[in-house]
Amino acid sequence: MKIIGYQHSNFTVKDTGAKISGYILYLSEARDGVTGVATERIFLSNNRIGNYVPNLNDNIRIYWNKYGKVDSIDLIK
């Protein structure tokens, strides 16, 4: 998936009061059955994103856990 936009985000979890920091990533990819490109918006906490700092036009691979949440990402060079 290609990063077409990103935004740094901070919020507090209402139930626990935990402070979460990370990035909202706006992504695009070619997809069967779609004319043009498909787009998605995902949130990655700093815990999941590690030392990676998003850059426009980076290509990444996203790994999902069994609960449908982003587990980790790899930068594709």
Protein backbone atom coordinates (compact mmCIF):
# COMPACT_ATOMS: atom_id res chain seq x y z
CA MET A 1 0.00 0.00 0.00
CA LYS A 2 1.19 3.50 -0.79
CA ILE A 3 1.08 6.33 1.77
CA ILE A 4 -0.81 9.22 0.18
CA GLY A 5 -1.21 11.22 3.42
CA TYR A 6 -0.59 11.06 7.15
CA GLN A 7 -1.44 12.93 10.34
CA HIS A 8 0.08 12.72 13.82
CA SER A 9 -2.64 12.01 16.39
CA ASN A 10 -2.93 11.94 20.20
CA PHE A 11 -5.95 10.91 22.24
CA THR A 12 -6.97 9.62 25.66
CA VAL A 13 -8.87 6.35 26.05
CA LYS A 14 -12.09 7.19 27.92
CA ASP A 15 -12.33 3.91 29.86
CA THR A 16 -8.75 3.75 31.12
CA GLY A 17 -7.38 7.28 30.78
CA ALA A 18 -4.41 5.90 28.84
CA LYS A 19 -2.80 8.38 26.46
CA ILE A 20 -2.23 7.04 22.95
CA SER A 21 0.00 8.67 20.35
CA GLY A 22 0.57 7.61 16.76
CA TYR A 23 -0.28 8.30 13.14
CA ILE A 24 -3.36 8.19 10.98
CA LEU A 25 -2.23 6.88 7.60
CA TYR A 26 -4.13 7.42 4.36
CA LEU A 27 -3.26 4.64 1.92
CA SER A 28 -3.99 3.59 -1.64
CA GLU A 29 -3.55 0.37 -3.62
CA ALA A 30 -4.65 -1.26 -6.85
CA ARG A 31 -7.41 -3.78 -6.10
CA ASP A 32 -9.29 -6.29 -8.22
CA GLY A 33 -12.74 -5.01 -9.21
CA VAL A 34 -11.84 -1.36 -8.57
CA THR A 35 -11.45 1.14 -11.38
CA GLY A 36 -8.63 3.43 -10.30
CA VAL A 37 -7.27 2.77 -6.81
CA ALA A 38 -8.83 1.73 -3.51
CA THR A 39 -8.13 3.83 -0.42
CA GLU A 40 -8.04 3.14 3.30
CA ARG A 41 -7.48 5.05 6.52
CA ILE A 42 -5.76 3.30 9.42
CA PHE A 43 -4.38 4.33 12.81
CA LEU A 44 -1.02 3.07 14.01
CA SER A 45 0.03 3.74 17.58
CA ASN A 46 3.67 4.53 18.27
CA ASN A 47 3.92 1.02 19.80
CA ARG A 48 2.96 -0.53 16.45
CA ILE A 49 4.86 1.82 14.18
CA GLY A 50 8.17 1.57 16.07
CA ASN A 51 10.89 3.92 14.84
CA TYR A 52 9.33 4.34 11.40
CA VAL A 53 8.32 7.90 10.48
CA PRO A 54 5.78 8.00 7.62
CA ASN A 55 6.74 9.69 4.37
CA LEU A 56 4.55 10.45 1.38
CA ASN A 57 4.78 7.82 -1.35
CA ASP A 58 6.34 5.16 0.92
CA ASN A 59 5.12 1.66 0.13
CA ILE A 60 4.29 -0.44 3.18
CA ARG A 61 2.99 -3.92 3.89
CA ILE A 62 0.44 -4.16 6.70
CA TYR A 63 0.07 -7.21 8.94
CA TRP A 64 -3.26 -7.70 10.73
CA ASN A 65 -3.88 -9.69 13.91
CA LYS A 66 -6.73 -12.17 14.37
CA TYR A 67 -8.92 -9.38 15.77
CA GLY A 68 -8.67 -7.30 12.57
CA LYS A 69 -6.34 -4.72 14.08
CA VAL A 70 -3.01 -3.65 12.63
CA ASP A 71 -0.25 -5.70 14.22
CA SER A 72 2.80 -4.32 12.44
CA ILE A 73 4.08 -2.85 9.18
CA ASP A 74 7.09 -3.27 6.93
CA LEU A 75 8.55 -0.62 4.66
CA ILE A 76 8.91 -1.98 1.12
CA LYS A 77 11.97 -0.62 -0.64
